[in-house]
Amino acid sequence: MNDMRTTVPIGFLILGVLALTGCDRQIDSESGPIKVELRQEDGVYRVYRGGEPFFIRGAGLERQPPGAGSI
């Protein structure tokens, strides 16, 4: 019974310390938001992040005839 009385508070103490140290995050004062912009070049829109081209992977299809996406 004594083991349980000391083990549980020590366990909670360890969990509390881990939770508090895990939440401590250092943020650089120099880093801030990165500028994102859309530019039209050669009739195509491009995304730039921090002045460099940014490519979005994922959703994108060629145009379909009207009604092609309906059920």
Protein backbone atom coordinates (compact mmCIF):
# COMPACT_ATOMS: atom_id res chain seq x y z
CA MET A 1 0.00 0.00 0.00
CA ASN A 2 2.87 2.40 0.73
CA ASP A 3 4.32 1.71 -2.68
CA MET A 4 1.14 2.98 -4.31
CA ARG A 5 1.10 6.14 -2.17
CA THR A 6 4.57 7.14 -3.34
CA THR A 7 4.48 5.76 -6.88
CA VAL A 8 1.36 7.64 -8.04
CA PRO A 9 2.51 11.15 -6.95
CA ILE A 10 5.98 10.55 -8.40
CA GLY A 11 4.39 9.41 -11.66
CA PHE A 12 2.22 12.53 -11.82
CA LEU A 13 5.25 14.68 -11.03
CA ILE A 14 7.23 13.11 -13.88
CA LEU A 15 4.30 13.51 -16.29
CA GLY A 16 3.90 17.15 -15.26
CA VAL A 17 7.57 17.92 -15.79
CA LEU A 18 7.54 16.21 -19.20
CA ALA A 19 4.40 18.10 -20.24
CA LEU A 20 5.82 21.46 -19.20
CA THR A 21 9.22 20.95 -20.82
CA GLY A 22 7.60 19.63 -23.99
CA CYS A 23 5.57 22.83 -24.32
CA ASP A 24 8.60 25.11 -23.92
CA ARG A 25 9.38 26.21 -27.46
CA GLN A 26 11.97 28.77 -28.41
CA ILE A 27 10.89 31.06 -31.24
CA ASP A 28 13.49 33.09 -33.10
CA SER A 29 12.70 36.78 -33.04
CA GLU A 30 14.19 37.08 -36.54
CA SER A 31 11.83 34.55 -38.09
CA GLY A 32 8.41 35.84 -38.92
CA PRO A 33 5.74 35.31 -41.52
CA ILE A 34 6.98 34.42 -45.00
CA LYS A 35 5.55 36.47 -47.85
CA VAL A 36 3.43 34.48 -50.30
CA GLU A 37 2.35 35.95 -53.62
CA LEU A 38 0.72 34.99 -56.90
CA ARG A 39 2.39 36.18 -60.09
CA GLN A 40 1.13 35.88 -63.64
CA GLU A 41 3.94 34.92 -65.98
CA ASP A 42 3.44 33.91 -69.62
CA GLY A 43 -0.32 33.62 -69.07
CA VAL A 44 0.11 31.20 -66.16
CA TYR A 45 -0.28 31.98 -62.48
CA ARG A 46 2.52 30.83 -60.20
CA VAL A 47 2.83 30.81 -56.41
CA TYR A 48 5.95 32.28 -54.81
CA ARG A 49 6.88 31.80 -51.16
CA GLY A 50 9.72 33.92 -49.84
CA GLY A 51 10.57 34.97 -53.39
CA GLU A 52 11.08 31.38 -54.58
CA PRO A 53 8.65 29.29 -56.67
CA PHE A 54 6.37 27.12 -54.54
CA PHE A 55 4.72 24.05 -56.04
CA ILE A 56 1.46 22.72 -54.61
CA ARG A 57 1.13 18.98 -54.90
CA GLY A 58 -2.33 17.53 -55.05
CA ALA A 59 -5.68 18.77 -56.29
CA GLY A 60 -5.53 19.72 -59.90
CA LEU A 61 -7.20 18.35 -62.99
CA GLU A 62 -7.51 19.34 -66.59
CA ARG A 63 -10.73 21.02 -67.62
CA GLN A 64 -13.57 18.64 -68.34
CA PRO A 65 -16.56 19.21 -70.59
CA PRO A 66 -19.70 20.55 -68.84
CA GLY A 67 -21.53 17.80 -66.97
CA ALA A 68 -18.49 15.53 -66.77
CA GLY A 69 -18.34 15.80 -62.98
CA SER A 70 -22.04 15.38 -62.32
CA ILE A 71 -23.70 12.15 -61.33
